[in-house]
Amino acid sequence: MRDAYQIRSLIEPFAVRVATPMVHAIISNG
């Protein structure tokens, strides 16, 4: 379980960096 938490903490910032522009694009496209 501890390893899964470490992996998530590594992946989450990358996922946020990828998802944020996509969310902005969806919002701006209306």
PDB file of N, CA and C in Angstrom:
ATOM      1  N   MET A   1       0.843  -1.206   0.000  1.00  0.00           N
ATOM      2  CA  MET A   1       0.000   0.000   0.000  1.00  0.00           C
ATOM      3  C   MET A   1       0.876   1.254   0.000  1.00  0.00           C
ATOM      4  N   ARG A   2       1.970   1.161   0.721  1.00  0.00           N
ATOM      5  CA  ARG A   2       2.856   2.318   0.801  1.00  0.00           C
ATOM      6  C   ARG A   2       3.435   2.638  -0.585  1.00  0.00           C
ATOM      7  N   ASP A   3       3.787   1.582  -1.328  1.00  0.00           N
ATOM      8  CA  ASP A   3       4.355   1.798  -2.659  1.00  0.00           C
ATOM      9  C   ASP A   3       3.341   2.480  -3.572  1.00  0.00           C
ATOM     10  N   ALA A   4       2.084   2.061  -3.478  1.00  0.00           N
ATOM     11  CA  ALA A   4       1.058   2.656  -4.327  1.00  0.00           C
ATOM     12  C   ALA A   4       0.945   4.155  -4.034  1.00  0.00           C
ATOM     13  N   TYR A   5       1.071   4.530  -2.764  1.00  0.00           N
ATOM     14  CA  TYR A   5       0.980   5.943  -2.407  1.00  0.00           C
ATOM     15  C   TYR A   5       2.159   6.713  -2.993  1.00  0.00           C
ATOM     16  N   GLN A   6       3.357   6.119  -2.943  1.00  0.00           N
ATOM     17  CA  GLN A   6       4.541   6.775  -3.503  1.00  0.00           C
ATOM     18  C   GLN A   6       4.387   6.948  -5.009  1.00  0.00           C
ATOM     19  N   ILE A   7       3.912   5.896  -5.672  1.00  0.00           N
ATOM     20  CA  ILE A   7       3.728   5.964  -7.123  1.00  0.00           C
ATOM     21  C   ILE A   7       2.718   7.052  -7.469  1.00  0.00           C
ATOM     22  N   ARG A   8       1.644   7.117  -6.697  1.00  0.00           N
ATOM     23  CA  ARG A   8       0.622   8.134  -6.967  1.00  0.00           C
ATOM     24  C   ARG A   8       1.200   9.531  -6.790  1.00  0.00           C
ATOM     25  N   SER A   9       2.035   9.716  -5.765  1.00  0.00           N
ATOM     26  CA  SER A   9       2.613  11.033  -5.514  1.00  0.00           C
ATOM     27  C   SER A   9       3.566  11.428  -6.639  1.00  0.00           C
ATOM     28  N   LEU A  10       4.142  10.427  -7.319  1.00  0.00           N
ATOM     29  CA  LEU A  10       5.010  10.726  -8.456  1.00  0.00           C
ATOM     30  C   LEU A  10       4.200  11.034  -9.708  1.00  0.00           C
ATOM     31  N   ILE A  11       3.119  10.288  -9.914  1.00  0.00           N
ATOM     32  CA  ILE A  11       2.331  10.421 -11.139  1.00  0.00           C
ATOM     33  C   ILE A  11       1.409  11.639 -11.083  1.00  0.00           C
ATOM     34  N   GLU A  12       0.894  11.954  -9.903  1.00  0.00           N
ATOM     35  CA  GLU A  12      -0.143  12.979  -9.809  1.00  0.00           C
ATOM     36  C   GLU A  12       0.290  14.329 -10.379  1.00  0.00           C
ATOM     37  N   PRO A  13       1.481  14.865 -10.051  1.00  0.00           N
ATOM     38  CA  PRO A  13       1.880  16.159 -10.634  1.00  0.00           C
ATOM     39  C   PRO A  13       1.923  16.107 -12.155  1.00  0.00           C
ATOM     40  N   PHE A  14       2.372  14.973 -12.711  1.00  0.00           N
ATOM     41  CA  PHE A  14       2.427  14.826 -14.165  1.00  0.00           C
ATOM     42  C   PHE A  14       1.014  14.794 -14.745  1.00  0.00           C
ATOM     43  N   ALA A  15       0.117  14.073 -14.079  1.00  0.00           N
ATOM     44  CA  ALA A  15      -1.263  14.000 -14.556  1.00  0.00           C
ATOM     45  C   ALA A  15      -1.912  15.379 -14.519  1.00  0.00           C
ATOM     46  N   VAL A  16      -1.626  16.139 -13.472  1.00  0.00           N
ATOM     47  CA  VAL A  16      -2.187  17.491 -13.359  1.00  0.00           C
ATOM     48  C   VAL A  16      -1.662  18.361 -14.502  1.00  0.00           C
ATOM     49  N   ARG A  17      -0.363  18.239 -14.809  1.00  0.00           N
ATOM     50  CA  ARG A  17       0.223  19.046 -15.882  1.00  0.00           C
ATOM     51  C   ARG A  17      -0.404  18.697 -17.220  1.00  0.00           C
ATOM     52  N   VAL A  18      -0.763  17.440 -17.412  1.00  0.00           N
ATOM     53  CA  VAL A  18      -1.363  17.019 -18.684  1.00  0.00           C
ATOM     54  C   VAL A  18      -2.843  17.405 -18.733  1.00  0.00           C
ATOM     55  N   ALA A  19      -3.536  17.216 -17.613  1.00  0.00           N
ATOM     56  CA  ALA A  19      -4.984  17.409 -17.595  1.00  0.00           C
ATOM     57  C   ALA A  19      -5.374  18.886 -17.594  1.00  0.00           C
ATOM     58  N   THR A  20      -4.586  19.733 -16.945  1.00  0.00           N
ATOM     59  CA  THR A  20      -4.959  21.142 -16.815  1.00  0.00           C
ATOM     60  C   THR A  20      -5.157  21.817 -18.173  1.00  0.00           C
ATOM     61  N   PRO A  21      -4.224  21.705 -19.139  1.00  0.00           N
ATOM     62  CA  PRO A  21      -4.453  22.318 -20.447  1.00  0.00           C
ATOM     63  C   PRO A  21      -5.682  21.748 -21.148  1.00  0.00           C
ATOM     64  N   MET A  22      -5.934  20.450 -20.955  1.00  0.00           N
ATOM     65  CA  MET A  22      -7.108  19.840 -21.580  1.00  0.00           C
ATOM     66  C   MET A  22      -8.387  20.433 -21.005  1.00  0.00           C
ATOM     67  N   VAL A  23      -8.408  20.613 -19.689  1.00  0.00           N
ATOM     68  CA  VAL A  23      -9.588  21.205 -19.042  1.00  0.00           C
ATOM     69  C   VAL A  23      -9.783  22.628 -19.528  1.00  0.00           C
ATOM     70  N   HIS A  24      -8.712  23.410 -19.620  1.00  0.00           N
ATOM     71  CA  HIS A  24      -8.817  24.787 -20.102  1.00  0.00           C
ATOM     72  C   HIS A  24      -9.324  24.817 -21.538  1.00  0.00           C
ATOM     73  N   ALA A  25      -8.869  23.871 -22.354  1.00  0.00           N
ATOM     74  CA  ALA A  25      -9.312  23.824 -23.750  1.00  0.00           C
ATOM     75  C   ALA A  25     -10.804  23.525 -23.819  1.00  0.00           C
ATOM     76  N   ILE A  26     -11.255  22.580 -22.987  1.00  0.00           N
ATOM     77  CA  ILE A  26     -12.682  22.233 -22.988  1.00  0.00           C
ATOM     78  C   ILE A  26     -13.512  23.435 -22.541  1.00  0.00           C
ATOM     79  N   ILE A  27     -13.043  24.142 -21.509  1.00  0.00           N
ATOM     80  CA  ILE A  27     -13.786  25.290 -20.981  1.00  0.00           C
ATOM     81  C   ILE A  27     -13.827  26.402 -22.025  1.00  0.00           C
ATOM     82  N   SER A  28     -12.690  26.675 -22.662  1.00  0.00           N
ATOM     83  CA  SER A  28     -12.630  27.781 -23.620  1.00  0.00           C
ATOM     84  C   SER A  28     -13.429  27.454 -24.882  1.00  0.00           C
ATOM     85  N   ASN A  29     -13.544  26.157 -25.199  1.00  0.00           N
ATOM     86  CA  ASN A  29     -14.326  25.760 -26.372  1.00  0.00           C
ATOM     87  C   ASN A  29     -15.828  25.812 -26.079  1.00  0.00           C
ATOM     88  N   GLY A  30     -16.170  25.837 -24.803  1.00  0.00           N
ATOM     89  CA  GLY A  30     -17.558  25.941 -24.416  1.00  0.00           C
ATOM     90  C   GLY A  30     -18.337  24.689 -24.740  1.00  0.00           C
TER      91      GLY A  30
END
